[in-house]
Amino acid sequence: ISRDGAKNTVYLQMNNLKPKDTAEYYCNAIERWGQGT
């Protein structure tokens, strides 16, 4: 996980993905949730 404060953006680099990683991924910040990906 990393972030760019100037851009108010957070990243998640996912390597060596496995079937168990299958899910809807949500961002959380400022007491809010993203729509999911």
All heavy atoms as atom14 arrays in JSON, in Angstrom:
{
  "sequence": "ISRDGAKNTVYLQMNNLKPKDTAEYYCNAIERWGQGT",
  "atom14_mask": [
    [1, 1, 1, 1, 1, 1, 1, 1, 0, 0, 0, 0, 0, 0],
    [1, 1, 1, 1, 1, 1, 0, 0, 0, 0, 0, 0, 0, 0],
    [1, 1, 1, 1, 1, 1, 1, 1, 1, 1, 1, 0, 0, 0],
    [1, 1, 1, 1, 1, 1, 1, 1, 0, 0, 0, 0, 0, 0],
    [1, 1, 1, 1, 0, 0, 0, 0, 0, 0, 0, 0, 0, 0],
    [1, 1, 1, 1, 1, 0, 0, 0, 0, 0, 0, 0, 0, 0],
    [1, 1, 1, 1, 1, 1, 1, 1, 1, 0, 0, 0, 0, 0],
    [1, 1, 1, 1, 1, 1, 1, 1, 0, 0, 0, 0, 0, 0],
    [1, 1, 1, 1, 1, 1, 1, 0, 0, 0, 0, 0, 0, 0],
    [1, 1, 1, 1, 1, 1, 1, 0, 0, 0, 0, 0, 0, 0],
    [1, 1, 1, 1, 1, 1, 1, 1, 1, 1, 1, 1, 0, 0],
    [1, 1, 1, 1, 1, 1, 1, 1, 0, 0, 0, 0, 0, 0],
    [1, 1, 1, 1, 1, 1, 1, 1, 1, 0, 0, 0, 0, 0],
    [1, 1, 1, 1, 1, 1, 1, 1, 0, 0, 0, 0, 0, 0],
    [1, 1, 1, 1, 1, 1, 1, 1, 0, 0, 0, 0, 0, 0],
    [1, 1, 1, 1, 1, 1, 1, 1, 0, 0, 0, 0, 0, 0],
    [1, 1, 1, 1, 1, 1, 1, 1, 0, 0, 0, 0, 0, 0],
    [1, 1, 1, 1, 1, 1, 1, 1, 1, 0, 0, 0, 0, 0],
    [1, 1, 1, 1, 1, 1, 1, 0, 0, 0, 0, 0, 0, 0],
    [1, 1, 1, 1, 1, 1, 1, 1, 1, 0, 0, 0, 0, 0],
    [1, 1, 1, 1, 1, 1, 1, 1, 0, 0, 0, 0, 0, 0],
    [1, 1, 1, 1, 1, 1, 1, 0, 0, 0, 0, 0, 0, 0],
    [1, 1, 1, 1, 1, 0, 0, 0, 0, 0, 0, 0, 0, 0],
    [1, 1, 1, 1, 1, 1, 1, 1, 1, 0, 0, 0, 0, 0],
    [1, 1, 1, 1, 1, 1, 1, 1, 1, 1, 1, 1, 0, 0],
    [1, 1, 1, 1, 1, 1, 1, 1, 1, 1, 1, 1, 0, 0],
    [1, 1, 1, 1, 1, 1, 0, 0, 0, 0, 0, 0, 0, 0],
    [1, 1, 1, 1, 1, 1, 1, 1, 0, 0, 0, 0, 0, 0],
    [1, 1, 1, 1, 1, 0, 0, 0, 0, 0, 0, 0, 0, 0],
    [1, 1, 1, 1, 1, 1, 1, 1, 0, 0, 0, 0, 0, 0],
    [1, 1, 1, 1, 1, 1, 1, 1, 1, 0, 0, 0, 0, 0],
    [1, 1, 1, 1, 1, 1, 1, 1, 1, 1, 1, 0, 0, 0],
    [1, 1, 1, 1, 1, 1, 1, 1, 1, 1, 1, 1, 1, 1],
    [1, 1, 1, 1, 0, 0, 0, 0, 0, 0, 0, 0, 0, 0],
    [1, 1, 1, 1, 1, 1, 1, 1, 1, 0, 0, 0, 0, 0],
    [1, 1, 1, 1, 0, 0, 0, 0, 0, 0, 0, 0, 0, 0],
    [1, 1, 1, 1, 1, 1, 1, 0, 0, 0, 0, 0, 0, 0]
  ],
  "atom14_positions": [
    [[0.84, -1.18, 0.0], [0.0, 0.0, 0.0], [0.89, 1.24, 0.0], [1.94, 1.27, 0.64], [-0.96, 0.02, 1.21], [-1.98, 1.15, 1.08], [-0.2, 0.12, 2.53], [-3.11, 1.08, 2.11], [0.0, 0.0, 0.0], [0.0, 0.0, 0.0], [0.0, 0.0, 0.0], [0.0, 0.0, 0.0], [0.0, 0.0, 0.0], [0.0, 0.0, 0.0]],
    [[0.47, 2.26, -0.73], [1.21, 3.51, -0.78], [0.23, 4.65, -1.0], [-0.94, 4.41, -1.31], [2.27, 3.48, -1.9], [1.66, 3.3, -3.16], [0.0, 0.0, 0.0], [0.0, 0.0, 0.0], [0.0, 0.0, 0.0], [0.0, 0.0, 0.0], [0.0, 0.0, 0.0], [0.0, 0.0, 0.0], [0.0, 0.0, 0.0], [0.0, 0.0, 0.0]],
    [[0.7, 5.87, -0.83], [-0.19, 7.01, -1.03], [0.57, 8.2, -1.57], [1.77, 8.35, -1.35], [-0.92, 7.38, 0.26], [-0.02, 7.91, 1.37], [-0.79, 8.07, 2.68], [-1.74, 9.19, 2.62], [-2.64, 9.46, 3.58], [-2.72, 8.66, 4.64], [-3.44, 10.5, 3.46], [0.0, 0.0, 0.0], [0.0, 0.0, 0.0], [0.0, 0.0, 0.0]],
    [[-0.16, 9.04, -2.27], [0.35, 10.29, -2.78], [-0.47, 11.37, -2.09], [-1.61, 11.63, -2.47], [0.2, 10.36, -4.3], [0.81, 11.61, -4.89], [0.89, 12.64, -4.19], [1.21, 11.57, -6.07], [0.0, 0.0, 0.0], [0.0, 0.0, 0.0], [0.0, 0.0, 0.0], [0.0, 0.0, 0.0], [0.0, 0.0, 0.0], [0.0, 0.0, 0.0]],
    [[0.11, 11.99, -1.07], [-0.61, 13.0, -0.3], [-1.06, 14.18, -1.13], [-2.17, 14.7, -0.93], [0.0, 0.0, 0.0], [0.0, 0.0, 0.0], [0.0, 0.0, 0.0], [0.0, 0.0, 0.0], [0.0, 0.0, 0.0], [0.0, 0.0, 0.0], [0.0, 0.0, 0.0], [0.0, 0.0, 0.0], [0.0, 0.0, 0.0], [0.0, 0.0, 0.0]],
    [[-0.23, 14.62, -2.05], [-0.56, 15.77, -2.88], [-1.77, 15.5, -3.75], [-2.54, 16.42, -4.07], [0.63, 16.17, -3.73], [0.0, 0.0, 0.0], [0.0, 0.0, 0.0], [0.0, 0.0, 0.0], [0.0, 0.0, 0.0], [0.0, 0.0, 0.0], [0.0, 0.0, 0.0], [0.0, 0.0, 0.0], [0.0, 0.0, 0.0], [0.0, 0.0, 0.0]],
    [[-1.95, 14.25, -4.15], [-3.06, 13.88, -5.02], [-4.22, 13.24, -4.26], [-5.22, 12.87, -4.88], [-2.58, 12.92, -6.11], [-1.56, 13.52, -7.06], [-1.16, 12.53, -8.14], [-0.17, 13.15, -9.11], [0.23, 12.19, -10.18], [0.0, 0.0, 0.0], [0.0, 0.0, 0.0], [0.0, 0.0, 0.0], [0.0, 0.0, 0.0], [0.0, 0.0, 0.0]],
    [[-4.07, 13.11, -2.94], [-5.11, 12.48, -2.11], [-5.51, 11.12, -2.68], [-6.7, 10.79, -2.77], [-6.33, 13.39, -1.99], [-6.01, 14.68, -1.28], [-5.41, 14.66, -0.2], [-6.41, 15.8, -1.86], [0.0, 0.0, 0.0], [0.0, 0.0, 0.0], [0.0, 0.0, 0.0], [0.0, 0.0, 0.0], [0.0, 0.0, 0.0], [0.0, 0.0, 0.0]],
    [[-4.51, 10.35, -3.03], [-4.73, 9.07, -3.66], [-3.97, 7.96, -2.93], [-2.83, 8.16, -2.52], [-4.29, 9.1, -5.13], [-5.05, 10.09, -5.83], [-4.52, 7.75, -5.8], [0.0, 0.0, 0.0], [0.0, 0.0, 0.0], [0.0, 0.0, 0.0], [0.0, 0.0, 0.0], [0.0, 0.0, 0.0], [0.0, 0.0, 0.0], [0.0, 0.0, 0.0]],
    [[-4.62, 6.82, -2.77], [-3.98, 5.66, -2.17], [-3.97, 4.54, -3.2], [-4.9, 4.4, -4.0], [-4.71, 5.22, -0.88], [-6.14, 4.79, -1.17], [-3.94, 4.1, -0.19], [0.0, 0.0, 0.0], [0.0, 0.0, 0.0], [0.0, 0.0, 0.0], [0.0, 0.0, 0.0], [0.0, 0.0, 0.0], [0.0, 0.0, 0.0], [0.0, 0.0, 0.0]],
    [[-2.89, 3.76, -3.19], [-2.72, 2.68, -4.15], [-2.54, 1.35, -3.43], [-2.11, 1.29, -2.28], [-1.49, 2.92, -5.02], [-1.47, 4.26, -5.71], [-0.84, 5.36, -5.12], [-2.08, 4.44, -6.95], [-0.82, 6.59, -5.76], [-2.07, 5.67, -7.58], [-1.43, 6.74, -6.99], [-1.42, 7.96, -7.61], [0.0, 0.0, 0.0], [0.0, 0.0, 0.0]],
    [[-2.86, 0.29, -4.12], [-2.61, -1.05, -3.62], [-2.02, -1.87, -4.75], [-2.73, -2.21, -5.7], [-3.89, -1.7, -3.1], [-3.7, -3.07, -2.43], [-2.94, -2.91, -1.11], [-5.05, -3.75, -2.19], [0.0, 0.0, 0.0], [0.0, 0.0, 0.0], [0.0, 0.0, 0.0], [0.0, 0.0, 0.0], [0.0, 0.0, 0.0], [0.0, 0.0, 0.0]],
    [[-0.73, -2.13, -4.66], [-0.07, -2.98, -5.63], [-0.22, -4.42, -5.17], [0.23, -4.78, -4.08], [1.41, -2.62, -5.75], [2.2, -3.49, -6.72], [1.76, -3.31, -8.15], [1.58, -2.18, -8.62], [1.57, -4.41, -8.87], [0.0, 0.0, 0.0], [0.0, 0.0, 0.0], [0.0, 0.0, 0.0], [0.0, 0.0, 0.0], [0.0, 0.0, 0.0]],
    [[-0.85, -5.24, -5.98], [-1.11, -6.63, -5.63], [-0.32, -7.54, -6.57], [-0.57, -7.55, -7.77], [-2.6, -6.94, -5.72], [-3.47, -6.01, -4.87], [-5.23, -6.47, -4.91], [-5.61, -6.1, -6.62], [0.0, 0.0, 0.0], [0.0, 0.0, 0.0], [0.0, 0.0, 0.0], [0.0, 0.0, 0.0], [0.0, 0.0, 0.0], [0.0, 0.0, 0.0]],
    [[0.61, -8.28, -6.0], [1.43, -9.2, -6.76], [1.16, -10.63, -6.32], [0.66, -10.88, -5.22], [2.91, -8.89, -6.58], [3.3, -7.52, -7.08], [2.76, -7.03, -8.07], [4.26, -6.89, -6.41], [0.0, 0.0, 0.0], [0.0, 0.0, 0.0], [0.0, 0.0, 0.0], [0.0, 0.0, 0.0], [0.0, 0.0, 0.0], [0.0, 0.0, 0.0]],
    [[1.52, -11.57, -7.18], [1.33, -12.99, -6.88], [-0.09, -13.27, -6.4], [-0.31, -13.91, -5.37], [2.35, -13.45, -5.84], [2.4, -14.96, -5.7], [2.04, -15.7, -6.62], [2.85, -15.43, -4.54], [0.0, 0.0, 0.0], [0.0, 0.0, 0.0], [0.0, 0.0, 0.0], [0.0, 0.0, 0.0], [0.0, 0.0, 0.0], [0.0, 0.0, 0.0]],
    [[-1.05, -12.8, -7.16], [-2.44, -12.96, -6.78], [-2.87, -14.42, -6.79], [-2.4, -15.21, -7.61], [-3.33, -12.15, -7.71], [-3.34, -10.65, -7.42], [-3.83, -9.87, -8.63], [-4.21, -10.35, -6.2], [0.0, 0.0, 0.0], [0.0, 0.0, 0.0], [0.0, 0.0, 0.0], [0.0, 0.0, 0.0], [0.0, 0.0, 0.0], [0.0, 0.0, 0.0]],
    [[-3.76, -14.74, -5.86], [-4.27, -16.09, -5.7], [-5.79, -16.07, -5.76], [-6.41, -15.04, -5.51], [-3.82, -16.67, -4.36], [-2.3, -16.67, -4.18], [-1.91, -17.14, -2.79], [-0.41, -17.12, -2.62], [0.0, -17.57, -1.26], [0.0, 0.0, 0.0], [0.0, 0.0, 0.0], [0.0, 0.0, 0.0], [0.0, 0.0, 0.0], [0.0, 0.0, 0.0]],
    [[-6.42, -17.21, -6.09], [-7.89, -17.25, -6.14], [-8.55, -16.76, -4.85], [-9.62, -16.16, -4.9], [-8.18, -18.73, -6.4], [-7.01, -19.18, -7.21], [-5.84, -18.47, -6.59], [0.0, 0.0, 0.0], [0.0, 0.0, 0.0], [0.0, 0.0, 0.0], [0.0, 0.0, 0.0], [0.0, 0.0, 0.0], [0.0, 0.0, 0.0], [0.0, 0.0, 0.0]],
    [[-7.93, -16.98, -3.71], [-8.49, -16.53, -2.44], [-8.55, -15.02, -2.32], [-9.23, -14.49, -1.43], [-7.71, -17.11, -1.26], [-6.29, -16.59, -1.13], [-5.6, -17.2, 0.08], [-4.19, -16.66, 0.25], [-3.51, -17.26, 1.43], [0.0, 0.0, 0.0], [0.0, 0.0, 0.0], [0.0, 0.0, 0.0], [0.0, 0.0, 0.0], [0.0, 0.0, 0.0]],
    [[-7.86, -14.31, -3.2], [-7.89, -12.85, -3.2], [-9.12, -12.31, -3.92], [-9.37, -11.1, -3.9], [-6.63, -12.28, -3.85], [-5.37, -12.62, -3.08], [-5.38, -12.52, -1.84], [-4.37, -12.99, -3.73], [0.0, 0.0, 0.0], [0.0, 0.0, 0.0], [0.0, 0.0, 0.0], [0.0, 0.0, 0.0], [0.0, 0.0, 0.0], [0.0, 0.0, 0.0]],
    [[-9.86, -13.17, -4.58], [-11.06, -12.75, -5.31], [-12.07, -12.12, -4.35], [-12.48, -12.74, -3.37], [-11.7, -13.94, -6.03], [-10.81, -14.42, -7.04], [-13.02, -13.53, -6.69], [0.0, 0.0, 0.0], [0.0, 0.0, 0.0], [0.0, 0.0, 0.0], [0.0, 0.0, 0.0], [0.0, 0.0, 0.0], [0.0, 0.0, 0.0], [0.0, 0.0, 0.0]],
    [[-12.45, -10.89, -4.63], [-13.36, -10.14, -3.76], [-13.63, -8.77, -4.36], [-12.99, -8.37, -5.33], [-12.77, -9.98, -2.36], [0.0, 0.0, 0.0], [0.0, 0.0, 0.0], [0.0, 0.0, 0.0], [0.0, 0.0, 0.0], [0.0, 0.0, 0.0], [0.0, 0.0, 0.0], [0.0, 0.0, 0.0], [0.0, 0.0, 0.0], [0.0, 0.0, 0.0]],
    [[-14.57, -8.09, -3.77], [-14.79, -6.69, -4.08], [-13.88, -5.89, -3.16], [-13.92, -6.08, -1.93], [-16.25, -6.3, -3.86], [-16.6, -4.89, -4.31], [-16.97, -4.8, -5.78], [-16.88, -5.83, -6.49], [-17.34, -3.71, -6.24], [0.0, 0.0, 0.0], [0.0, 0.0, 0.0], [0.0, 0.0, 0.0], [0.0, 0.0, 0.0], [0.0, 0.0, 0.0]],
    [[-13.07, -5.02, -3.72], [-12.13, -4.24, -2.94], [-12.64, -2.82, -2.76], [-13.04, -2.16, -3.73], [-10.75, -4.22, -3.61], [-9.99, -5.51, -3.41], [-10.4, -6.68, -4.03], [-8.87, -5.56, -2.56], [-9.73, -7.87, -3.83], [-8.19, -6.75, -2.36], [-8.61, -7.9, -2.99], [-7.94, -9.08, -2.8], [0.0, 0.0, 0.0], [0.0, 0.0, 0.0]],
    [[-12.62, -2.34, -1.52], [-13.14, -1.02, -1.19], [-12.08, -0.14, -0.56], [-11.3, -0.59, 0.27], [-14.3, -1.13, -0.2], [-15.5, -1.89, -0.71], [-15.6, -3.27, -0.55], [-16.55, -1.22, -1.34], [-16.7, -3.97, -1.02], [-17.66, -1.91, -1.81], [-17.72, -3.28, -1.64], [-18.82, -3.97, -2.1], [0.0, 0.0, 0.0], [0.0, 0.0, 0.0]],
    [[-12.09, 1.11, -0.94], [-11.23, 2.12, -0.34], [-11.98, 2.77, 0.81], [-13.19, 2.98, 0.75], [-10.87, 3.16, -1.4], [-9.92, 4.57, -0.8], [0.0, 0.0, 0.0], [0.0, 0.0, 0.0], [0.0, 0.0, 0.0], [0.0, 0.0, 0.0], [0.0, 0.0, 0.0], [0.0, 0.0, 0.0], [0.0, 0.0, 0.0], [0.0, 0.0, 0.0]],
    [[-11.26, 3.08, 1.88], [-11.86, 3.75, 3.03], [-10.99, 4.92, 3.46], [-9.79, 4.77, 3.65], [-12.03, 2.77, 4.19], [-12.61, 3.44, 5.42], [-11.89, 3.81, 6.34], [-13.93, 3.58, 5.45], [0.0, 0.0, 0.0], [0.0, 0.0, 0.0], [0.0, 0.0, 0.0], [0.0, 0.0, 0.0], [0.0, 0.0, 0.0], [0.0, 0.0, 0.0]],
    [[-11.61, 6.07, 3.61], [-10.92, 7.26, 4.08], [-11.95, 8.33, 4.43], [-13.05, 8.33, 3.87], [-9.96, 7.8, 3.02], [0.0, 0.0, 0.0], [0.0, 0.0, 0.0], [0.0, 0.0, 0.0], [0.0, 0.0, 0.0], [0.0, 0.0, 0.0], [0.0, 0.0, 0.0], [0.0, 0.0, 0.0], [0.0, 0.0, 0.0], [0.0, 0.0, 0.0]],
    [[-11.58, 9.22, 5.34], [-12.46, 10.33, 5.72], [-13.85, 9.82, 6.11], [-14.87, 10.44, 5.8], [-12.6, 11.38, 4.6], [-11.39, 11.38, 3.66], [-12.77, 12.78, 5.21], [-11.57, 12.19, 2.42], [0.0, 0.0, 0.0], [0.0, 0.0, 0.0], [0.0, 0.0, 0.0], [0.0, 0.0, 0.0], [0.0, 0.0, 0.0], [0.0, 0.0, 0.0]],
    [[-13.89, 8.66, 6.77], [-15.15, 8.05, 7.18], [-16.1, 7.81, 6.0], [-17.31, 7.89, 6.13], [-15.84, 8.91, 8.24], [-14.99, 9.11, 9.49], [-15.7, 9.91, 10.55], [-16.3, 10.96, 10.23], [-15.67, 9.49, 11.72], [0.0, 0.0, 0.0], [0.0, 0.0, 0.0], [0.0, 0.0, 0.0], [0.0, 0.0, 0.0], [0.0, 0.0, 0.0]],
    [[-15.53, 7.48, 4.86], [-16.3, 7.21, 3.67], [-15.81, 5.93, 3.01], [-14.67, 5.5, 3.21], [-16.17, 8.36, 2.65], [-16.67, 9.7, 3.14], [-18.19, 9.76, 3.15], [-18.67, 11.12, 3.36], [-18.78, 11.7, 4.54], [-18.43, 11.04, 5.65], [-19.24, 12.94, 4.64], [0.0, 0.0, 0.0], [0.0, 0.0, 0.0], [0.0, 0.0, 0.0]],
    [[-16.68, 5.34, 2.22], [-16.34, 4.15, 1.46], [-16.46, 4.45, -0.03], [-17.35, 5.18, -0.46], [-17.3, 2.99, 1.77], [-17.13, 2.43, 3.15], [-17.88, 2.72, 4.25], [-16.16, 1.47, 3.57], [-17.45, 2.0, 5.33], [-16.4, 1.23, 4.95], [-15.12, 0.79, 2.92], [-15.62, 0.33, 5.68], [-14.35, -0.1, 3.65], [-14.6, -0.32, 5.01]],
    [[-15.56, 3.89, -0.8], [-15.67, 3.99, -2.24], [-16.72, 3.02, -2.74], [-17.32, 2.27, -1.96], [0.0, 0.0, 0.0], [0.0, 0.0, 0.0], [0.0, 0.0, 0.0], [0.0, 0.0, 0.0], [0.0, 0.0, 0.0], [0.0, 0.0, 0.0], [0.0, 0.0, 0.0], [0.0, 0.0, 0.0], [0.0, 0.0, 0.0], [0.0, 0.0, 0.0]],
    [[-16.94, 3.02, -4.03], [-17.98, 2.16, -4.62], [-17.54, 0.72, -4.78], [-18.38, -0.16, -4.98], [-18.41, 2.73, -5.98], [-17.53, 2.35, -7.17], [-16.19, 3.05, -7.2], [-15.91, 3.94, -6.4], [-15.35, 2.65, -8.14], [0.0, 0.0, 0.0], [0.0, 0.0, 0.0], [0.0, 0.0, 0.0], [0.0, 0.0, 0.0], [0.0, 0.0, 0.0]],
    [[-16.26, 0.48, -4.69], [-15.73, -0.86, -4.82], [-15.26, -1.17, -6.22], [-15.77, -0.62, -7.2], [0.0, 0.0, 0.0], [0.0, 0.0, 0.0], [0.0, 0.0, 0.0], [0.0, 0.0, 0.0], [0.0, 0.0, 0.0], [0.0, 0.0, 0.0], [0.0, 0.0, 0.0], [0.0, 0.0, 0.0], [0.0, 0.0, 0.0], [0.0, 0.0, 0.0]],
    [[-14.27, -2.03, -6.31], [-13.78, -2.5, -7.6], [-13.54, -4.0, -7.5], [-12.94, -4.47, -6.53], [-12.5, -1.73, -8.03], [-12.1, -2.16, -9.34], [-11.35, -1.96, -7.06], [0.0, 0.0, 0.0], [0.0, 0.0, 0.0], [0.0, 0.0, 0.0], [0.0, 0.0, 0.0], [0.0, 0.0, 0.0], [0.0, 0.0, 0.0], [0.0, 0.0, 0.0]]
  ]
}
